[in-house]
Each structure stands twice: as structure tokens, then as C-alpha cells.
Amino acid sequence: YGLGTISGRPGLYLASRVDDGNTPLGVAVLKVELD
């Protein structure tokens, strides 16, 4: 939970790693503002 770097609005960031077999490729992120 934190402030957005661009928007400056608080929210909860939920992230999951994207793998190709056993090789990490990156991260998929969702920000939800709890308004």
C-alpha cells in the first residue's frame, strides 16, 4: 500500500511474477484504490 508515483493517489498494489517455465520474465501489477 502506498502513494502512486505518477498519480500521487494512495492505493493497494497487487503483483504476481510472470514465469516462462523456471525463468522469471517480469511482474504483472494491479493497483486498486479503496475509495
All heavy atoms as atom14 arrays in JSON, in Angstrom:
{
  "sequence": "YGLGTISGRPGLYLASRVDDGNTPLGVAVLKVELD",
  "atom14_mask": [
    [1, 1, 1, 1, 1, 1, 1, 1, 1, 1, 1, 1, 0, 0],
    [1, 1, 1, 1, 0, 0, 0, 0, 0, 0, 0, 0, 0, 0],
    [1, 1, 1, 1, 1, 1, 1, 1, 0, 0, 0, 0, 0, 0],
    [1, 1, 1, 1, 0, 0, 0, 0, 0, 0, 0, 0, 0, 0],
    [1, 1, 1, 1, 1, 1, 1, 0, 0, 0, 0, 0, 0, 0],
    [1, 1, 1, 1, 1, 1, 1, 1, 0, 0, 0, 0, 0, 0],
    [1, 1, 1, 1, 1, 1, 0, 0, 0, 0, 0, 0, 0, 0],
    [1, 1, 1, 1, 0, 0, 0, 0, 0, 0, 0, 0, 0, 0],
    [1, 1, 1, 1, 1, 1, 1, 1, 1, 1, 1, 0, 0, 0],
    [1, 1, 1, 1, 1, 1, 1, 0, 0, 0, 0, 0, 0, 0],
    [1, 1, 1, 1, 0, 0, 0, 0, 0, 0, 0, 0, 0, 0],
    [1, 1, 1, 1, 1, 1, 1, 1, 0, 0, 0, 0, 0, 0],
    [1, 1, 1, 1, 1, 1, 1, 1, 1, 1, 1, 1, 0, 0],
    [1, 1, 1, 1, 1, 1, 1, 1, 0, 0, 0, 0, 0, 0],
    [1, 1, 1, 1, 1, 0, 0, 0, 0, 0, 0, 0, 0, 0],
    [1, 1, 1, 1, 1, 1, 0, 0, 0, 0, 0, 0, 0, 0],
    [1, 1, 1, 1, 1, 1, 1, 1, 1, 1, 1, 0, 0, 0],
    [1, 1, 1, 1, 1, 1, 1, 0, 0, 0, 0, 0, 0, 0],
    [1, 1, 1, 1, 1, 1, 1, 1, 0, 0, 0, 0, 0, 0],
    [1, 1, 1, 1, 1, 1, 1, 1, 0, 0, 0, 0, 0, 0],
    [1, 1, 1, 1, 0, 0, 0, 0, 0, 0, 0, 0, 0, 0],
    [1, 1, 1, 1, 1, 1, 1, 1, 0, 0, 0, 0, 0, 0],
    [1, 1, 1, 1, 1, 1, 1, 0, 0, 0, 0, 0, 0, 0],
    [1, 1, 1, 1, 1, 1, 1, 0, 0, 0, 0, 0, 0, 0],
    [1, 1, 1, 1, 1, 1, 1, 1, 0, 0, 0, 0, 0, 0],
    [1, 1, 1, 1, 0, 0, 0, 0, 0, 0, 0, 0, 0, 0],
    [1, 1, 1, 1, 1, 1, 1, 0, 0, 0, 0, 0, 0, 0],
    [1, 1, 1, 1, 1, 0, 0, 0, 0, 0, 0, 0, 0, 0],
    [1, 1, 1, 1, 1, 1, 1, 0, 0, 0, 0, 0, 0, 0],
    [1, 1, 1, 1, 1, 1, 1, 1, 0, 0, 0, 0, 0, 0],
    [1, 1, 1, 1, 1, 1, 1, 1, 1, 0, 0, 0, 0, 0],
    [1, 1, 1, 1, 1, 1, 1, 0, 0, 0, 0, 0, 0, 0],
    [1, 1, 1, 1, 1, 1, 1, 1, 1, 0, 0, 0, 0, 0],
    [1, 1, 1, 1, 1, 1, 1, 1, 0, 0, 0, 0, 0, 0],
    [1, 1, 1, 1, 1, 1, 1, 1, 0, 0, 0, 0, 0, 0]
  ],
  "atom14_positions": [
    [[0.86, -1.17, 0.0], [0.0, 0.0, 0.0], [0.9, 1.23, 0.0], [1.87, 1.31, 0.75], [-0.9, 0.01, 1.23], [-1.99, 1.07, 1.19], [-3.25, 0.77, 0.72], [-1.73, 2.36, 1.62], [-4.25, 1.73, 0.66], [-2.71, 3.33, 1.57], [-3.97, 3.02, 1.1], [-4.94, 3.97, 1.04], [0.0, 0.0, 0.0], [0.0, 0.0, 0.0]],
    [[0.6, 2.19, -0.87], [1.42, 3.39, -0.93], [0.87, 4.38, -1.91], [-0.15, 4.16, -2.58], [0.0, 0.0, 0.0], [0.0, 0.0, 0.0], [0.0, 0.0, 0.0], [0.0, 0.0, 0.0], [0.0, 0.0, 0.0], [0.0, 0.0, 0.0], [0.0, 0.0, 0.0], [0.0, 0.0, 0.0], [0.0, 0.0, 0.0], [0.0, 0.0, 0.0]],
    [[1.57, 5.52, -2.03], [1.18, 6.56, -2.97], [1.68, 6.19, -4.36], [2.76, 5.65, -4.53], [1.78, 7.9, -2.55], [1.13, 8.64, -1.37], [1.83, 9.94, -1.14], [-0.35, 8.86, -1.61], [0.0, 0.0, 0.0], [0.0, 0.0, 0.0], [0.0, 0.0, 0.0], [0.0, 0.0, 0.0], [0.0, 0.0, 0.0], [0.0, 0.0, 0.0]],
    [[0.87, 6.54, -5.37], [1.27, 6.31, -6.74], [2.39, 7.25, -7.15], [2.38, 8.44, -6.82], [0.0, 0.0, 0.0], [0.0, 0.0, 0.0], [0.0, 0.0, 0.0], [0.0, 0.0, 0.0], [0.0, 0.0, 0.0], [0.0, 0.0, 0.0], [0.0, 0.0, 0.0], [0.0, 0.0, 0.0], [0.0, 0.0, 0.0], [0.0, 0.0, 0.0]],
    [[3.37, 6.72, -7.88], [4.5, 7.54, -8.33], [4.03, 8.64, -9.29], [4.52, 9.77, -9.24], [5.53, 6.64, -9.03], [5.89, 5.58, -8.15], [6.78, 7.44, -9.38], [0.0, 0.0, 0.0], [0.0, 0.0, 0.0], [0.0, 0.0, 0.0], [0.0, 0.0, 0.0], [0.0, 0.0, 0.0], [0.0, 0.0, 0.0], [0.0, 0.0, 0.0]],
    [[3.1, 8.32, -10.16], [2.62, 9.28, -11.17], [1.39, 10.02, -10.67], [1.33, 11.25, -10.71], [2.31, 8.55, -12.49], [3.55, 7.77, -12.97], [1.87, 9.55, -13.54], [4.76, 8.63, -13.23], [0.0, 0.0, 0.0], [0.0, 0.0, 0.0], [0.0, 0.0, 0.0], [0.0, 0.0, 0.0], [0.0, 0.0, 0.0], [0.0, 0.0, 0.0]],
    [[0.38, 9.26, -10.18], [-0.89, 9.87, -9.81], [-0.84, 10.57, -8.47], [-1.59, 11.51, -8.22], [-1.99, 8.79, -9.79], [-1.74, 7.87, -8.75], [0.0, 0.0, 0.0], [0.0, 0.0, 0.0], [0.0, 0.0, 0.0], [0.0, 0.0, 0.0], [0.0, 0.0, 0.0], [0.0, 0.0, 0.0], [0.0, 0.0, 0.0], [0.0, 0.0, 0.0]],
    [[0.05, 10.14, -7.57], [0.08, 10.71, -6.23], [-1.1, 10.29, -5.38], [-1.32, 10.82, -4.29], [0.0, 0.0, 0.0], [0.0, 0.0, 0.0], [0.0, 0.0, 0.0], [0.0, 0.0, 0.0], [0.0, 0.0, 0.0], [0.0, 0.0, 0.0], [0.0, 0.0, 0.0], [0.0, 0.0, 0.0], [0.0, 0.0, 0.0], [0.0, 0.0, 0.0]],
    [[-1.91, 9.29, -5.84], [-3.07, 8.82, -5.09], [-2.73, 7.51, -4.38], [-2.03, 6.66, -4.95], [-4.26, 8.61, -6.02], [-4.82, 9.9, -6.59], [-5.97, 9.62, -7.56], [-7.02, 8.85, -6.93], [-7.97, 9.37, -6.15], [-7.99, 10.67, -5.92], [-8.91, 8.6, -5.62], [0.0, 0.0, 0.0], [0.0, 0.0, 0.0], [0.0, 0.0, 0.0]],
    [[-3.21, 7.33, -3.15], [-2.91, 6.09, -2.43], [-3.7, 4.92, -3.0], [-4.8, 5.08, -3.52], [-3.33, 6.41, -1.0], [-4.42, 7.42, -1.15], [-4.04, 8.26, -2.33], [0.0, 0.0, 0.0], [0.0, 0.0, 0.0], [0.0, 0.0, 0.0], [0.0, 0.0, 0.0], [0.0, 0.0, 0.0], [0.0, 0.0, 0.0], [0.0, 0.0, 0.0]],
    [[-3.13, 3.75, -2.87], [-3.81, 2.55, -3.32], [-3.02, 1.32, -2.94], [-1.88, 1.38, -2.49], [0.0, 0.0, 0.0], [0.0, 0.0, 0.0], [0.0, 0.0, 0.0], [0.0, 0.0, 0.0], [0.0, 0.0, 0.0], [0.0, 0.0, 0.0], [0.0, 0.0, 0.0], [0.0, 0.0, 0.0], [0.0, 0.0, 0.0], [0.0, 0.0, 0.0]],
    [[-3.63, 0.17, -3.15], [-3.02, -1.13, -2.86], [-2.52, -1.73, -4.15], [-3.28, -1.86, -5.11], [-4.02, -2.07, -2.19], [-3.52, -3.47, -1.87], [-2.38, -3.42, -0.85], [-4.66, -4.35, -1.35], [0.0, 0.0, 0.0], [0.0, 0.0, 0.0], [0.0, 0.0, 0.0], [0.0, 0.0, 0.0], [0.0, 0.0, 0.0], [0.0, 0.0, 0.0]],
    [[-1.23, -2.1, -4.18], [-0.62, -2.7, -5.36], [-0.53, -4.21, -5.13], [0.04, -4.66, -4.13], [0.77, -2.13, -5.59], [0.78, -0.64, -5.92], [0.78, 0.31, -4.89], [0.75, -0.19, -7.22], [0.77, 1.66, -5.18], [0.75, 1.16, -7.52], [0.76, 2.09, -6.49], [0.75, 3.42, -6.78], [0.0, 0.0, 0.0], [0.0, 0.0, 0.0]],
    [[-1.07, -4.98, -6.08], [-1.05, -6.43, -6.03], [-0.23, -6.92, -7.21], [-0.55, -6.6, -8.36], [-2.46, -7.02, -6.08], [-3.41, -6.53, -4.98], [-4.83, -6.98, -5.26], [-2.95, -7.02, -3.62], [0.0, 0.0, 0.0], [0.0, 0.0, 0.0], [0.0, 0.0, 0.0], [0.0, 0.0, 0.0], [0.0, 0.0, 0.0], [0.0, 0.0, 0.0]],
    [[0.83, -7.7, -6.96], [1.77, -8.08, -8.01], [1.94, -9.59, -8.02], [1.95, -10.24, -6.98], [3.12, -7.4, -7.8], [0.0, 0.0, 0.0], [0.0, 0.0, 0.0], [0.0, 0.0, 0.0], [0.0, 0.0, 0.0], [0.0, 0.0, 0.0], [0.0, 0.0, 0.0], [0.0, 0.0, 0.0], [0.0, 0.0, 0.0], [0.0, 0.0, 0.0]],
    [[2.08, -10.15, -9.24], [2.37, -11.57, -9.44], [3.48, -11.7, -10.47], [3.47, -11.01, -11.51], [1.14, -12.35, -9.91], [0.18, -12.41, -8.9], [0.0, 0.0, 0.0], [0.0, 0.0, 0.0], [0.0, 0.0, 0.0], [0.0, 0.0, 0.0], [0.0, 0.0, 0.0], [0.0, 0.0, 0.0], [0.0, 0.0, 0.0], [0.0, 0.0, 0.0]],
    [[4.43, -12.58, -10.19], [5.55, -12.78, -11.11], [5.11, -13.57, -12.33], [4.34, -14.53, -12.23], [6.68, -13.52, -10.38], [7.98, -13.63, -11.22], [9.04, -14.34, -10.41], [8.68, -15.7, -10.11], [9.12, -16.37, -9.06], [9.95, -15.8, -8.21], [8.73, -17.61, -8.84], [0.0, 0.0, 0.0], [0.0, 0.0, 0.0], [0.0, 0.0, 0.0]],
    [[5.62, -13.2, -13.51], [5.35, -13.9, -14.77], [6.58, -14.76, -15.06], [7.7, -14.25, -15.16], [5.09, -12.91, -15.91], [4.76, -13.67, -17.19], [3.95, -11.96, -15.55], [0.0, 0.0, 0.0], [0.0, 0.0, 0.0], [0.0, 0.0, 0.0], [0.0, 0.0, 0.0], [0.0, 0.0, 0.0], [0.0, 0.0, 0.0], [0.0, 0.0, 0.0]],
    [[6.35, -16.07, -15.18], [7.46, -17.01, -15.41], [7.31, -17.69, -16.76], [6.2, -17.9, -17.26], [7.49, -18.09, -14.31], [7.84, -17.52, -12.96], [8.61, -16.55, -12.92], [7.32, -18.04, -11.95], [0.0, 0.0, 0.0], [0.0, 0.0, 0.0], [0.0, 0.0, 0.0], [0.0, 0.0, 0.0], [0.0, 0.0, 0.0], [0.0, 0.0, 0.0]],
    [[8.45, -18.02, -17.35], [8.49, -18.85, -18.55], [9.2, -20.14, -18.14], [10.41, -20.23, -18.18], [9.23, -18.13, -19.67], [9.21, -18.93, -20.97], [8.52, -19.98, -21.0], [9.88, -18.53, -21.94], [0.0, 0.0, 0.0], [0.0, 0.0, 0.0], [0.0, 0.0, 0.0], [0.0, 0.0, 0.0], [0.0, 0.0, 0.0], [0.0, 0.0, 0.0]],
    [[8.4, -21.12, -17.71], [8.99, -22.3, -17.1], [9.58, -21.92, -15.76], [8.89, -21.46, -14.86], [0.0, 0.0, 0.0], [0.0, 0.0, 0.0], [0.0, 0.0, 0.0], [0.0, 0.0, 0.0], [0.0, 0.0, 0.0], [0.0, 0.0, 0.0], [0.0, 0.0, 0.0], [0.0, 0.0, 0.0], [0.0, 0.0, 0.0], [0.0, 0.0, 0.0]],
    [[10.9, -22.07, -15.61], [11.58, -21.69, -14.37], [12.28, -20.34, -14.5], [13.05, -19.95, -13.63], [12.59, -22.76, -13.98], [11.93, -24.06, -13.61], [10.84, -24.06, -13.05], [12.58, -25.17, -13.93], [0.0, 0.0, 0.0], [0.0, 0.0, 0.0], [0.0, 0.0, 0.0], [0.0, 0.0, 0.0], [0.0, 0.0, 0.0], [0.0, 0.0, 0.0]],
    [[12.03, -19.62, -15.62], [12.72, -18.35, -15.87], [11.77, -17.19, -15.61], [10.74, -17.07, -16.28], [13.22, -18.3, -17.31], [14.07, -19.42, -17.55], [14.0, -17.01, -17.55], [0.0, 0.0, 0.0], [0.0, 0.0, 0.0], [0.0, 0.0, 0.0], [0.0, 0.0, 0.0], [0.0, 0.0, 0.0], [0.0, 0.0, 0.0], [0.0, 0.0, 0.0]],
    [[12.07, -16.29, -14.66], [11.22, -15.11, -14.44], [11.33, -14.17, -15.62], [12.43, -13.89, -16.13], [11.79, -14.5, -13.16], [12.62, -15.56, -12.53], [13.14, -16.39, -13.66], [0.0, 0.0, 0.0], [0.0, 0.0, 0.0], [0.0, 0.0, 0.0], [0.0, 0.0, 0.0], [0.0, 0.0, 0.0], [0.0, 0.0, 0.0], [0.0, 0.0, 0.0]],
    [[10.18, -13.65, -16.08], [10.15, -12.7, -17.18], [9.84, -11.29, -16.71], [10.23, -10.32, -17.35], [9.09, -13.13, -18.22], [9.32, -14.47, -18.91], [8.18, -14.77, -19.86], [10.64, -14.45, -19.68], [0.0, 0.0, 0.0], [0.0, 0.0, 0.0], [0.0, 0.0, 0.0], [0.0, 0.0, 0.0], [0.0, 0.0, 0.0], [0.0, 0.0, 0.0]],
    [[9.1, -11.16, -15.63], [8.69, -9.84, -15.16], [7.59, -9.96, -14.14], [7.4, -11.01, -13.52], [0.0, 0.0, 0.0], [0.0, 0.0, 0.0], [0.0, 0.0, 0.0], [0.0, 0.0, 0.0], [0.0, 0.0, 0.0], [0.0, 0.0, 0.0], [0.0, 0.0, 0.0], [0.0, 0.0, 0.0], [0.0, 0.0, 0.0], [0.0, 0.0, 0.0]],
    [[6.8, -8.89, -14.0], [5.75, -8.83, -12.97], [4.51, -8.18, -13.56], [4.61, -7.18, -14.29], [6.23, -8.02, -11.74], [5.1, -7.85, -10.74], [7.4, -8.72, -11.08], [0.0, 0.0, 0.0], [0.0, 0.0, 0.0], [0.0, 0.0, 0.0], [0.0, 0.0, 0.0], [0.0, 0.0, 0.0], [0.0, 0.0, 0.0], [0.0, 0.0, 0.0]],
    [[3.33, -8.76, -13.27], [2.03, -8.15, -13.6], [1.49, -7.48, -12.34], [1.44, -8.1, -11.28], [1.06, -9.2, -14.12], [0.0, 0.0, 0.0], [0.0, 0.0, 0.0], [0.0, 0.0, 0.0], [0.0, 0.0, 0.0], [0.0, 0.0, 0.0], [0.0, 0.0, 0.0], [0.0, 0.0, 0.0], [0.0, 0.0, 0.0], [0.0, 0.0, 0.0]],
    [[1.1, -6.21, -12.46], [0.71, -5.41, -11.29], [-0.68, -4.82, -11.5], [-1.01, -4.38, -12.61], [1.72, -4.27, -11.04], [1.37, -3.54, -9.74], [3.14, -4.8, -10.98], [0.0, 0.0, 0.0], [0.0, 0.0, 0.0], [0.0, 0.0, 0.0], [0.0, 0.0, 0.0], [0.0, 0.0, 0.0], [0.0, 0.0, 0.0], [0.0, 0.0, 0.0]],
    [[-1.48, -4.85, -10.44], [-2.78, -4.18, -10.43], [-2.82, -3.23, -9.24], [-2.44, -3.6, -8.13], [-3.92, -5.19, -10.34], [-5.33, -4.61, -10.26], [-6.32, -5.47, -11.04], [-5.82, -4.47, -8.82], [0.0, 0.0, 0.0], [0.0, 0.0, 0.0], [0.0, 0.0, 0.0], [0.0, 0.0, 0.0], [0.0, 0.0, 0.0], [0.0, 0.0, 0.0]],
    [[-3.24, -1.99, -9.51], [-3.43, -1.02, -8.43], [-4.92, -0.81, -8.23], [-5.66, -0.52, -9.18], [-2.77, 0.31, -8.77], [-3.01, 1.38, -7.69], [-2.44, 2.73, -8.1], [-2.71, 3.78, -7.02], [-2.24, 5.12, -7.42], [0.0, 0.0, 0.0], [0.0, 0.0, 0.0], [0.0, 0.0, 0.0], [0.0, 0.0, 0.0], [0.0, 0.0, 0.0]],
    [[-5.37, -0.98, -6.99], [-6.77, -0.74, -6.66], [-6.82, 0.35, -5.6], [-6.16, 0.29, -4.57], [-7.46, -2.04, -6.17], [-6.71, -2.66, -5.01], [-8.91, -1.75, -5.76], [0.0, 0.0, 0.0], [0.0, 0.0, 0.0], [0.0, 0.0, 0.0], [0.0, 0.0, 0.0], [0.0, 0.0, 0.0], [0.0, 0.0, 0.0], [0.0, 0.0, 0.0]],
    [[-7.59, 1.4, -5.9], [-7.84, 2.45, -4.92], [-9.1, 2.1, -4.15], [-10.12, 1.76, -4.76], [-7.98, 3.8, -5.62], [-6.71, 4.22, -6.34], [-6.86, 5.54, -7.09], [-7.96, 6.14, -7.03], [-5.88, 5.96, -7.73], [0.0, 0.0, 0.0], [0.0, 0.0, 0.0], [0.0, 0.0, 0.0], [0.0, 0.0, 0.0], [0.0, 0.0, 0.0]],
    [[-9.04, 2.15, -2.87], [-10.1, 1.65, -2.0], [-11.15, 2.7, -1.69], [-11.76, 2.7, -0.62], [-9.48, 1.1, -0.7], [-8.44, 0.0, -0.9], [-7.82, -0.39, 0.43], [-9.05, -1.21, -1.59], [0.0, 0.0, 0.0], [0.0, 0.0, 0.0], [0.0, 0.0, 0.0], [0.0, 0.0, 0.0], [0.0, 0.0, 0.0], [0.0, 0.0, 0.0]],
    [[-11.4, 3.63, -2.65], [-12.4, 4.68, -2.43], [-13.78, 4.1, -2.21], [-14.54, 4.56, -1.35], [-12.42, 5.64, -3.63], [-11.11, 6.39, -3.78], [-10.32, 6.38, -2.81], [-10.86, 6.96, -4.85], [0.0, 0.0, 0.0], [0.0, 0.0, 0.0], [0.0, 0.0, 0.0], [0.0, 0.0, 0.0], [0.0, 0.0, 0.0], [0.0, 0.0, 0.0]]
  ]
}
